[in-house]
Amino acid sequence: MTIHPIRLTGLVIGVPQTFEYLDKMQDRVVSFVTKHSKIKAETFKDLMFAKGNLTRDIGTNVIGTDAVEYGLINEVGGIGQAMEKLNELIELERKNEEGIVQ
């Protein structure tokens, strides 16, 4: 996973509104990721704006156990483990709807 700021390609008119628009889009991305994971906004922004981790770029590559440690994902696994977890969550939701409490 590569974490980096939002970028534009092509012609950008350099007015304050353009910066504000990009800043708002960036805030939406940070908000979405932090609401759907366990990473803190400050940590995510630090990874996003880190310099020197990518060749001639800004941002950070996060893989496997590092993503777990940062709280971006819950665990490392493949499609088999993902399907097992999905089925487990579906079964748990079904039991909750039927009033069966574990």
PDB file of N, CA and C in Angstrom:
ATOM      1  N   MET A   1       0.850  -1.147   0.000  1.00  0.00           N
ATOM      2  CA  MET A   1       0.000   0.000   0.000  1.00  0.00           C
ATOM      3  C   MET A   1       0.907   1.224   0.000  1.00  0.00           C
ATOM      4  N   THR A   2       0.594   2.172  -0.862  1.00  0.00           N
ATOM      5  CA  THR A   2       1.339   3.421  -0.901  1.00  0.00           C
ATOM      6  C   THR A   2       0.444   4.531  -0.381  1.00  0.00           C
ATOM      7  N   ILE A   3       0.926   5.254   0.585  1.00  0.00           N
ATOM      8  CA  ILE A   3       0.182   6.361   1.165  1.00  0.00           C
ATOM      9  C   ILE A   3       0.861   7.643   0.719  1.00  0.00           C
ATOM     10  N   HIS A   4       0.145   8.467  -0.018  1.00  0.00           N
ATOM     11  CA  HIS A   4       0.699   9.745  -0.463  1.00  0.00           C
ATOM     12  C   HIS A   4      -0.417  10.765  -0.613  1.00  0.00           C
ATOM     13  N   PRO A   5      -0.060  12.053  -0.656  1.00  0.00           N
ATOM     14  CA  PRO A   5      -1.069  13.096  -0.776  1.00  0.00           C
ATOM     15  C   PRO A   5      -1.761  13.061  -2.136  1.00  0.00           C
ATOM     16  N   ILE A   6      -2.913  13.688  -2.203  1.00  0.00           N
ATOM     17  CA  ILE A   6      -3.628  13.832  -3.465  1.00  0.00           C
ATOM     18  C   ILE A   6      -2.812  14.738  -4.374  1.00  0.00           C
ATOM     19  N   ARG A   7      -2.766  14.367  -5.644  1.00  0.00           N
ATOM     20  CA  ARG A   7      -2.002  15.148  -6.623  1.00  0.00           C
ATOM     21  C   ARG A   7      -2.880  15.449  -7.821  1.00  0.00           C
ATOM     22  N   LEU A   8      -2.517  16.469  -8.547  1.00  0.00           N
ATOM     23  CA  LEU A   8      -3.170  16.800  -9.801  1.00  0.00           C
ATOM     24  C   LEU A   8      -2.156  16.674 -10.924  1.00  0.00           C
ATOM     25  N   THR A   9      -2.641  16.322 -12.100  1.00  0.00           N
ATOM     26  CA  THR A   9      -1.776  16.335 -13.270  1.00  0.00           C
ATOM     27  C   THR A   9      -2.342  17.354 -14.245  1.00  0.00           C
ATOM     28  N   GLY A  10      -1.505  17.905 -15.077  1.00  0.00           N
ATOM     29  CA  GLY A  10      -1.970  18.893 -16.040  1.00  0.00           C
ATOM     30  C   GLY A  10      -1.889  20.297 -15.483  1.00  0.00           C
ATOM     31  N   LEU A  11      -2.604  21.192 -16.108  1.00  0.00           N
ATOM     32  CA  LEU A  11      -2.578  22.602 -15.755  1.00  0.00           C
ATOM     33  C   LEU A  11      -3.404  22.858 -14.501  1.00  0.00           C
ATOM     34  N   VAL A  12      -2.809  23.536 -13.568  1.00  0.00           N
ATOM     35  CA  VAL A  12      -3.505  23.932 -12.348  1.00  0.00           C
ATOM     36  C   VAL A  12      -3.395  25.446 -12.236  1.00  0.00           C
ATOM     37  N   ILE A  13      -4.539  26.100 -12.095  1.00  0.00           N
ATOM     38  CA  ILE A  13      -4.520  27.544 -11.921  1.00  0.00           C
ATOM     39  C   ILE A  13      -4.183  27.820 -10.465  1.00  0.00           C
ATOM     40  N   GLY A  14      -3.136  28.565 -10.227  1.00  0.00           N
ATOM     41  CA  GLY A  14      -2.643  28.789  -8.875  1.00  0.00           C
ATOM     42  C   GLY A  14      -3.403  29.871  -8.131  1.00  0.00           C
ATOM     43  N   VAL A  15      -4.559  29.562  -7.676  1.00  0.00           N
ATOM     44  CA  VAL A  15      -5.342  30.499  -6.875  1.00  0.00           C
ATOM     45  C   VAL A  15      -5.611  29.854  -5.519  1.00  0.00           C
ATOM     46  N   PRO A  16      -5.875  30.661  -4.516  1.00  0.00           N
ATOM     47  CA  PRO A  16      -6.129  30.090  -3.182  1.00  0.00           C
ATOM     48  C   PRO A  16      -7.256  29.056  -3.175  1.00  0.00           C
ATOM     49  N   GLN A  17      -8.273  29.242  -4.010  1.00  0.00           N
ATOM     50  CA  GLN A  17      -9.388  28.297  -4.039  1.00  0.00           C
ATOM     51  C   GLN A  17      -8.937  26.907  -4.463  1.00  0.00           C
ATOM     52  N   THR A  18      -7.953  26.827  -5.349  1.00  0.00           N
ATOM     53  CA  THR A  18      -7.441  25.531  -5.788  1.00  0.00           C
ATOM     54  C   THR A  18      -6.791  24.813  -4.615  1.00  0.00           C
ATOM     55  N   PHE A  19      -5.982  25.532  -3.854  1.00  0.00           N
ATOM     56  CA  PHE A  19      -5.339  24.923  -2.684  1.00  0.00           C
ATOM     57  C   PHE A  19      -6.388  24.473  -1.678  1.00  0.00           C
ATOM     58  N   GLU A  20      -7.379  25.319  -1.417  1.00  0.00           N
ATOM     59  CA  GLU A  20      -8.435  24.967  -0.459  1.00  0.00           C
ATOM     60  C   GLU A  20      -9.198  23.726  -0.917  1.00  0.00           C
ATOM     61  N   TYR A  21      -9.468  23.631  -2.214  1.00  0.00           N
ATOM     62  CA  TYR A  21     -10.167  22.471  -2.759  1.00  0.00           C
ATOM     63  C   TYR A  21      -9.345  21.201  -2.541  1.00  0.00           C
ATOM     64  N   LEU A  22      -8.065  21.253  -2.866  1.00  0.00           N
ATOM     65  CA  LEU A  22      -7.194  20.091  -2.666  1.00  0.00           C
ATOM     66  C   LEU A  22      -7.084  19.742  -1.183  1.00  0.00           C
ATOM     67  N   ASP A  23      -7.001  20.753  -0.330  1.00  0.00           N
ATOM     68  CA  ASP A  23      -6.910  20.524   1.102  1.00  0.00           C
ATOM     69  C   ASP A  23      -8.175  19.840   1.633  1.00  0.00           C
ATOM     70  N   LYS A  24      -9.340  20.242   1.140  1.00  0.00           N
ATOM     71  CA  LYS A  24     -10.601  19.620   1.558  1.00  0.00           C
ATOM     72  C   LYS A  24     -10.679  18.171   1.078  1.00  0.00           C
ATOM     73  N   MET A  25     -10.226  17.916  -0.154  1.00  0.00           N
ATOM     74  CA  MET A  25     -10.210  16.541  -0.656  1.00  0.00           C
ATOM     75  C   MET A  25      -9.285  15.689   0.205  1.00  0.00           C
ATOM     76  N   GLN A  26      -8.126  16.248   0.564  1.00  0.00           N
ATOM     77  CA  GLN A  26      -7.174  15.528   1.399  1.00  0.00           C
ATOM     78  C   GLN A  26      -7.785  15.205   2.756  1.00  0.00           C
ATOM     79  N   ASP A  27      -8.480  16.166   3.339  1.00  0.00           N
ATOM     80  CA  ASP A  27      -9.138  15.943   4.630  1.00  0.00           C
ATOM     81  C   ASP A  27     -10.183  14.838   4.535  1.00  0.00           C
ATOM     82  N   ARG A  28     -10.898  14.772   3.420  1.00  0.00           N
ATOM     83  CA  ARG A  28     -11.899  13.708   3.237  1.00  0.00           C
ATOM     84  C   ARG A  28     -11.241  12.336   3.199  1.00  0.00           C
ATOM     85  N   VAL A  29     -10.103  12.242   2.530  1.00  0.00           N
ATOM     86  CA  VAL A  29      -9.376  10.968   2.461  1.00  0.00           C
ATOM     87  C   VAL A  29      -8.905  10.562   3.851  1.00  0.00           C
ATOM     88  N   VAL A  30      -8.299  11.483   4.569  1.00  0.00           N
ATOM     89  CA  VAL A  30      -7.807  11.195   5.918  1.00  0.00           C
ATOM     90  C   VAL A  30      -8.968  10.780   6.818  1.00  0.00           C
ATOM     91  N   SER A  31     -10.074  11.506   6.730  1.00  0.00           N
ATOM     92  CA  SER A  31     -11.240  11.190   7.546  1.00  0.00           C
ATOM     93  C   SER A  31     -11.779   9.799   7.238  1.00  0.00           C
ATOM     94  N   PHE A  32     -11.885   9.461   5.963  1.00  0.00           N
ATOM     95  CA  PHE A  32     -12.398   8.144   5.566  1.00  0.00           C
ATOM     96  C   PHE A  32     -11.504   7.031   6.104  1.00  0.00           C
ATOM     97  N   VAL A  33     -10.199   7.169   5.906  1.00  0.00           N
ATOM     98  CA  VAL A  33      -9.266   6.114   6.329  1.00  0.00           C
ATOM     99  C   VAL A  33      -9.287   5.960   7.845  1.00  0.00           C
ATOM    100  N   THR A  34      -9.278   7.073   8.575  1.00  0.00           N
ATOM    101  CA  THR A  34      -9.239   6.974  10.035  1.00  0.00           C
ATOM    102  C   THR A  34     -10.553   6.467  10.620  1.00  0.00           C
ATOM    103  N   LYS A  35     -11.667   6.720   9.940  1.00  0.00           N
ATOM    104  CA  LYS A  35     -12.954   6.200  10.414  1.00  0.00           C
ATOM    105  C   LYS A  35     -13.100   4.704  10.163  1.00  0.00           C
ATOM    106  N   HIS A  36     -12.397   4.189   9.167  1.00  0.00           N
ATOM    107  CA  HIS A  36     -12.543   2.791   8.792  1.00  0.00           C
ATOM    108  C   HIS A  36     -11.324   1.942   9.140  1.00  0.00           C
ATOM    109  N   SER A  37     -10.472   2.469   9.998  1.00  0.00           N
ATOM    110  CA  SER A  37      -9.308   1.718  10.458  1.00  0.00           C
ATOM    111  C   SER A  37      -8.979   2.177  11.877  1.00  0.00           C
ATOM    112  N   LYS A  38      -7.872   1.707  12.393  1.00  0.00           N
ATOM    113  CA  LYS A  38      -7.472   2.062  13.757  1.00  0.00           C
ATOM    114  C   LYS A  38      -6.313   3.053  13.774  1.00  0.00           C
ATOM    115  N   ILE A  39      -5.931   3.556  12.607  1.00  0.00           N
ATOM    116  CA  ILE A  39      -4.811   4.500  12.548  1.00  0.00           C
ATOM    117  C   ILE A  39      -5.287   5.889  12.974  1.00  0.00           C
ATOM    118  N   LYS A  40      -4.415   6.626  13.640  1.00  0.00           N
ATOM    119  CA  LYS A  40      -4.732   7.991  14.054  1.00  0.00           C
ATOM    120  C   LYS A  40      -4.443   8.942  12.891  1.00  0.00           C
ATOM    121  N   ALA A  41      -5.202  10.015  12.824  1.00  0.00           N
ATOM    122  CA  ALA A  41      -5.058  10.976  11.728  1.00  0.00           C
ATOM    123  C   ALA A  41      -3.638  11.525  11.649  1.00  0.00           C
ATOM    124  N   GLU A  42      -3.031  11.825  12.788  1.00  0.00           N
ATOM    125  CA  GLU A  42      -1.677  12.388  12.795  1.00  0.00           C
ATOM    126  C   GLU A  42      -0.669  11.397  12.208  1.00  0.00           C
ATOM    127  N   THR A  43      -0.808  10.136  12.578  1.00  0.00           N
ATOM    128  CA  THR A  43       0.094   9.101  12.067  1.00  0.00           C
ATOM    129  C   THR A  43      -0.090   8.932  10.567  1.00  0.00           C
ATOM    130  N   PHE A  44      -1.348   8.915  10.126  1.00  0.00           N
ATOM    131  CA  PHE A  44      -1.631   8.763   8.698  1.00  0.00           C
ATOM    132  C   PHE A  44      -1.044   9.928   7.912  1.00  0.00           C
ATOM    133  N   LYS A  45      -1.209  11.143   8.409  1.00  0.00           N
ATOM    134  CA  LYS A  45      -0.651  12.317   7.728  1.00  0.00           C
ATOM    135  C   LYS A  45       0.874  12.267   7.712  1.00  0.00           C
ATOM    136  N   ASP A  46       1.486  11.810   8.814  1.00  0.00           N
ATOM    137  CA  ASP A  46       2.946  11.669   8.837  1.00  0.00           C
ATOM    138  C   ASP A  46       3.415  10.720   7.743  1.00  0.00           C
ATOM    139  N   LEU A  47       2.708   9.600   7.587  1.00  0.00           N
ATOM    140  CA  LEU A  47       3.062   8.644   6.531  1.00  0.00           C
ATOM    141  C   LEU A  47       2.824   9.254   5.152  1.00  0.00           C
ATOM    142  N   MET A  48       1.752   9.997   5.032  1.00  0.00           N
ATOM    143  CA  MET A  48       1.377  10.582   3.745  1.00  0.00           C
ATOM    144  C   MET A  48       2.396  11.598   3.256  1.00  0.00           C
ATOM    145  N   PHE A  49       2.905  12.402   4.165  1.00  0.00           N
ATOM    146  CA  PHE A  49       3.798  13.482   3.772  1.00  0.00           C
ATOM    147  C   PHE A  49       5.271  13.180   4.012  1.00  0.00           C
ATOM    148  N   ALA A  50       5.599  11.935   4.343  1.00  0.00           N
ATOM    149  CA  ALA A  50       6.992  11.556   4.569  1.00  0.00           C
ATOM    150  C   ALA A  50       7.803  11.719   3.287  1.00  0.00           C
ATOM    151  N   LYS A  51       9.021  12.176   3.437  1.00  0.00           N
ATOM    152  CA  LYS A  51       9.905  12.342   2.278  1.00  0.00           C
ATOM    153  C   LYS A  51      11.006  11.308   2.342  1.00  0.00           C
ATOM    154  N   GLY A  52      11.436  10.840   1.192  1.00  0.00           N
ATOM    155  CA  GLY A  52      12.576   9.948   1.135  1.00  0.00           C
ATOM    156  C   GLY A  52      12.244   8.467   1.188  1.00  0.00           C
ATOM    157  N   ASN A  53      10.986   8.104   1.380  1.00  0.00           N
ATOM    158  CA  ASN A  53      10.624   6.689   1.410  1.00  0.00           C
ATOM    159  C   ASN A  53      10.349   6.125   0.025  1.00  0.00           C
ATOM    160  N   LEU A  54       9.999   6.983  -0.893  1.00  0.00           N
ATOM    161  CA  LEU A  54       9.789   6.563  -2.272  1.00  0.00           C
ATOM    162  C   LEU A  54      10.800   7.285  -3.150  1.00  0.00           C
ATOM    163  N   THR A  55      11.236   6.630  -4.192  1.00  0.00           N
ATOM    164  CA  THR A  55      12.222   7.224  -5.072  1.00  0.00           C
ATOM    165  C   THR A  55      11.656   8.479  -5.724  1.00  0.00           C
ATOM    166  N   ARG A  56      12.306   9.612  -5.462  1.00  0.00           N
ATOM    167  CA  ARG A  56      11.916  10.903  -6.033  1.00  0.00           C
ATOM    168  C   ARG A  56      10.434  11.208  -5.862  1.00  0.00           C
ATOM    169  N   ASP A  57       9.908  10.925  -4.730  1.00  0.00           N
ATOM    170  CA  ASP A  57       8.482  11.123  -4.485  1.00  0.00           C
ATOM    171  C   ASP A  57       8.289  11.420  -3.008  1.00  0.00           C
ATOM    172  N   ILE A  58       7.056  11.691  -2.606  1.00  0.00           N
ATOM    173  CA  ILE A  58       6.756  11.793  -1.188  1.00  0.00           C
ATOM    174  C   ILE A  58       5.691  10.773  -0.858  1.00  0.00           C
ATOM    175  N   GLY A  59       5.691  10.312   0.353  1.00  0.00           N
ATOM    176  CA  GLY A  59       4.750   9.293   0.770  1.00  0.00           C
ATOM    177  C   GLY A  59       5.475   8.129   1.399  1.00  0.00           C
ATOM    178  N   THR A  60       4.738   7.065   1.674  1.00  0.00           N
ATOM    179  CA  THR A  60       5.306   5.904   2.354  1.00  0.00           C
ATOM    180  C   THR A  60       4.720   4.625   1.784  1.00  0.00           C
ATOM    181  N   ASN A  61       5.565   3.626   1.601  1.00  0.00           N
ATOM    182  CA  ASN A  61       5.094   2.281   1.277  1.00  0.00           C
ATOM    183  C   ASN A  61       4.904   1.538   2.585  1.00  0.00           C
ATOM    184  N   VAL A  62       3.727   0.976   2.787  1.00  0.00           N
ATOM    185  CA  VAL A  62       3.433   0.209   3.993  1.00  0.00           C
ATOM    186  C   VAL A  62       2.991  -1.182   3.548  1.00  0.00           C
ATOM    187  N   ILE A  63       3.661  -2.216   4.075  1.00  0.00           N
ATOM    188  CA  ILE A  63       3.321  -3.573   3.659  1.00  0.00           C
ATOM    189  C   ILE A  63       3.078  -4.466   4.868  1.00  0.00           C
ATOM    190  N   GLY A  64       2.286  -5.496   4.659  1.00  0.00           N
ATOM    191  CA  GLY A  64       2.089  -6.580   5.613  1.00  0.00           C
ATOM    192  C   GLY A  64       1.958  -6.179   7.059  1.00  0.00           C
ATOM    193  N   THR A  65       2.886  -6.682   7.850  1.00  0.00           N
ATOM    194  CA  THR A  65       2.813  -6.476   9.296  1.00  0.00           C
ATOM    195  C   THR A  65       2.939  -5.003   9.679  1.00  0.00           C
ATOM    196  N   ASP A  66       3.622  -4.201   8.843  1.00  0.00           N
ATOM    197  CA  ASP A  66       3.697  -2.764   9.117  1.00  0.00           C
ATOM    198  C   ASP A  66       2.303  -2.139   9.062  1.00  0.00           C
ATOM    199  N   ALA A  67       1.497  -2.549   8.093  1.00  0.00           N
ATOM    200  CA  ALA A  67       0.129  -2.035   7.981  1.00  0.00           C
ATOM    201  C   ALA A  67      -0.696  -2.423   9.197  1.00  0.00           C
ATOM    202  N   VAL A  68      -0.451  -3.617   9.729  1.00  0.00           N
ATOM    203  CA  VAL A  68      -1.140  -4.057  10.949  1.00  0.00           C
ATOM    204  C   VAL A  68      -0.683  -3.206  12.130  1.00  0.00           C
ATOM    205  N   GLU A  69       0.614  -2.991  12.254  1.00  0.00           N
ATOM    206  CA  GLU A  69       1.151  -2.202  13.370  1.00  0.00           C
ATOM    207  C   GLU A  69       0.631  -0.771  13.350  1.00  0.00           C
ATOM    208  N   TYR A  70       0.490  -0.193  12.174  1.00  0.00           N
ATOM    209  CA  TYR A  70      -0.041   1.169  12.066  1.00  0.00           C
ATOM    210  C   TYR A  70      -1.551   1.219  12.301  1.00  0.00           C
ATOM    211  N   GLY A  71      -2.217   0.072  12.212  1.00  0.00           N
ATOM    212  CA  GLY A  71      -3.656   0.043  12.412  1.00  0.00           C
ATOM    213  C   GLY A  71      -4.451   0.232  11.135  1.00  0.00           C
ATOM    214  N   LEU A  72      -3.772   0.144   9.979  1.00  0.00           N
ATOM    215  CA  LEU A  72      -4.475   0.290   8.706  1.00  0.00           C
ATOM    216  C   LEU A  72      -5.328  -0.932   8.383  1.00  0.00           C
ATOM    217  N   ILE A  73      -4.838  -2.095   8.764  1.00  0.00           N
ATOM    218  CA  ILE A  73      -5.567  -3.344   8.556  1.00  0.00           C
ATOM    219  C   ILE A  73      -5.526  -4.144   9.854  1.00  0.00           C
ATOM    220  N   ASN A  74      -6.418  -5.118   9.973  1.00  0.00           N
ATOM    221  CA  ASN A  74      -6.500  -5.911  11.197  1.00  0.00           C
ATOM    222  C   ASN A  74      -5.492  -7.044  11.237  1.00  0.00           C
ATOM    223  N   GLU A  75      -5.283  -7.681  10.091  1.00  0.00           N
ATOM    224  CA  GLU A  75      -4.343  -8.798  10.049  1.00  0.00           C
ATOM    225  C   GLU A  75      -3.907  -9.051   8.617  1.00  0.00           C
ATOM    226  N   VAL A  76      -2.831  -9.797   8.478  1.00  0.00           N
ATOM    227  CA  VAL A  76      -2.297 -10.155   7.167  1.00  0.00           C
ATOM    228  C   VAL A  76      -2.831 -11.526   6.804  1.00  0.00           C
ATOM    229  N   GLY A  77      -3.275 -11.680   5.579  1.00  0.00           N
ATOM    230  CA  GLY A  77      -3.783 -12.972   5.132  1.00  0.00           C
ATOM    231  C   GLY A  77      -4.146 -12.918   3.660  1.00  0.00           C
ATOM    232  N   GLY A  78      -4.658 -14.020   3.194  1.00  0.00           N
ATOM    233  CA  GLY A  78      -5.051 -14.118   1.802  1.00  0.00           C
ATOM    234  C   GLY A  78      -6.559 -14.143   1.646  1.00  0.00           C
ATOM    235  N   ILE A  79      -6.990 -14.504   0.458  1.00  0.00           N
ATOM    236  CA  ILE A  79      -8.415 -14.521   0.160  1.00  0.00           C
ATOM    237  C   ILE A  79      -9.144 -15.566   1.002  1.00  0.00           C
ATOM    238  N   GLY A  80      -8.501 -16.684   1.296  1.00  0.00           N
ATOM    239  CA  GLY A  80      -9.119 -17.728   2.118  1.00  0.00           C
ATOM    240  C   GLY A  80      -9.459 -17.223   3.509  1.00  0.00           C
ATOM    241  N   GLN A  81      -8.490 -16.547   4.140  1.00  0.00           N
ATOM    242  CA  GLN A  81      -8.736 -15.991   5.470  1.00  0.00           C
ATOM    243  C   GLN A  81      -9.798 -14.899   5.420  1.00  0.00           C
ATOM    244  N   ALA A  82      -9.790 -14.098   4.366  1.00  0.00           N
ATOM    245  CA  ALA A  82     -10.789 -13.033   4.217  1.00  0.00           C
ATOM    246  C   ALA A  82     -12.193 -13.623   4.092  1.00  0.00           C
ATOM    247  N   MET A  83     -12.327 -14.693   3.321  1.00  0.00           N
ATOM    248  CA  MET A  83     -13.641 -15.327   3.149  1.00  0.00           C
ATOM    249  C   MET A  83     -14.110 -15.960   4.459  1.00  0.00           C
ATOM    250  N   GLU A  84     -13.194 -16.575   5.207  1.00  0.00           N
ATOM    251  CA  GLU A  84     -13.549 -17.149   6.510  1.00  0.00           C
ATOM    252  C   GLU A  84     -14.060 -16.061   7.451  1.00  0.00           C
ATOM    253  N   LYS A  85     -13.377 -14.940   7.484  1.00  0.00           N
ATOM    254  CA  LYS A  85     -13.782 -13.839   8.356  1.00  0.00           C
ATOM    255  C   LYS A  85     -15.124 -13.269   7.917  1.00  0.00           C
ATOM    256  N   LEU A  86     -15.320 -13.125   6.617  1.00  0.00           N
ATOM    257  CA  LEU A  86     -16.586 -12.625   6.097  1.00  0.00           C
ATOM    258  C   LEU A  86     -17.736 -13.538   6.493  1.00  0.00           C
ATOM    259  N   ASN A  87     -17.552 -14.824   6.334  1.00  0.00           N
ATOM    260  CA  ASN A  87     -18.593 -15.781   6.723  1.00  0.00           C
ATOM    261  C   ASN A  87     -18.853 -15.747   8.224  1.00  0.00           C
ATOM    262  N   GLU A  88     -17.793 -15.581   9.006  1.00  0.00           N
ATOM    263  CA  GLU A  88     -17.940 -15.476  10.461  1.00  0.00           C
ATOM    264  C   GLU A  88     -18.772 -14.239  10.830  1.00  0.00           C
ATOM    265  N   LEU A  89     -18.490 -13.108  10.185  1.00  0.00           N
ATOM    266  CA  LEU A  89     -19.235 -11.886  10.463  1.00  0.00           C
ATOM    267  C   LEU A  89     -20.690 -11.981  10.007  1.00  0.00           C
ATOM    268  N   ILE A  90     -20.925 -12.646   8.885  1.00  0.00           N
ATOM    269  CA  ILE A  90     -22.296 -12.850   8.403  1.00  0.00           C
ATOM    270  C   ILE A  90     -23.075 -13.699   9.399  1.00  0.00           C
ATOM    271  N   GLU A  91     -22.465 -14.752   9.887  1.00  0.00           N
ATOM    272  CA  GLU A  91     -23.116 -15.629  10.859  1.00  0.00           C
ATOM    273  C   GLU A  91     -23.398 -14.879  12.166  1.00  0.00           C
ATOM    274  N   LEU A  92     -22.462 -14.066  12.610  1.00  0.00           N
ATOM    275  CA  LEU A  92     -22.649 -13.277  13.819  1.00  0.00           C
ATOM    276  C   LEU A  92     -23.811 -12.293  13.643  1.00  0.00           C
ATOM    277  N   GLU A  93     -23.879 -11.647  12.502  1.00  0.00           N
ATOM    278  CA  GLU A  93     -24.979 -10.714  12.225  1.00  0.00           C
ATOM    279  C   GLU A  93     -26.313 -11.449  12.178  1.00  0.00           C
ATOM    280  N   ARG A  94     -26.334 -12.630  11.576  1.00  0.00           N
ATOM    281  CA  ARG A  94     -27.565 -13.425  11.514  1.00  0.00           C
ATOM    282  C   ARG A  94     -28.050 -13.771  12.923  1.00  0.00           C
ATOM    283  N   LYS A  95     -27.127 -14.183  13.786  1.00  0.00           N
ATOM    284  CA  LYS A  95     -27.480 -14.526  15.164  1.00  0.00           C
ATOM    285  C   LYS A  95     -27.993 -13.305  15.914  1.00  0.00           C
ATOM    286  N   ASN A  96     -27.384 -12.152  15.686  1.00  0.00           N
ATOM    287  CA  ASN A  96     -27.832 -10.926  16.342  1.00  0.00           C
ATOM    288  C   ASN A  96     -29.239 -10.544  15.898  1.00  0.00           C
ATOM    289  N   GLU A  97     -29.545 -10.729  14.637  1.00  0.00           N
ATOM    290  CA  GLU A  97     -30.872 -10.425  14.118  1.00  0.00           C
ATOM    291  C   GLU A  97     -31.918 -11.376  14.686  1.00  0.00           C
ATOM    292  N   GLU A  98     -31.531 -12.607  14.929  1.00  0.00           N
ATOM    293  CA  GLU A  98     -32.455 -13.614  15.471  1.00  0.00           C
ATOM    294  C   GLU A  98     -32.534 -13.543  16.996  1.00  0.00           C
ATOM    295  N   GLY A  99     -31.736 -12.689  17.601  1.00  0.00           N
ATOM    296  CA  GLY A  99     -31.759 -12.549  19.052  1.00  0.00           C
ATOM    297  C   GLY A  99     -30.965 -13.587  19.799  1.00  0.00           C
ATOM    298  N   ILE A 100     -30.124 -14.317  19.083  1.00  0.00           N
ATOM    299  CA  ILE A 100     -29.263 -15.322  19.718  1.00  0.00           C
ATOM    300  C   ILE A 100     -27.985 -14.604  20.150  1.00  0.00           C
ATOM    301  N   VAL A 101     -27.790 -14.481  21.448  1.00  0.00           N
ATOM    302  CA  VAL A 101     -26.635 -13.759  21.970  1.00  0.00           C
ATOM    303  C   VAL A 101     -25.604 -14.773  22.445  1.00  0.00           C
ATOM    304  N   GLN A 102     -24.363 -14.552  22.088  1.00  0.00           N
ATOM    305  CA  GLN A 102     -23.294 -15.445  22.517  1.00  0.00           C
ATOM    306  C   GLN A 102     -22.624 -14.935  23.753  1.00  0.00           C
TER     307      GLN A 102
END
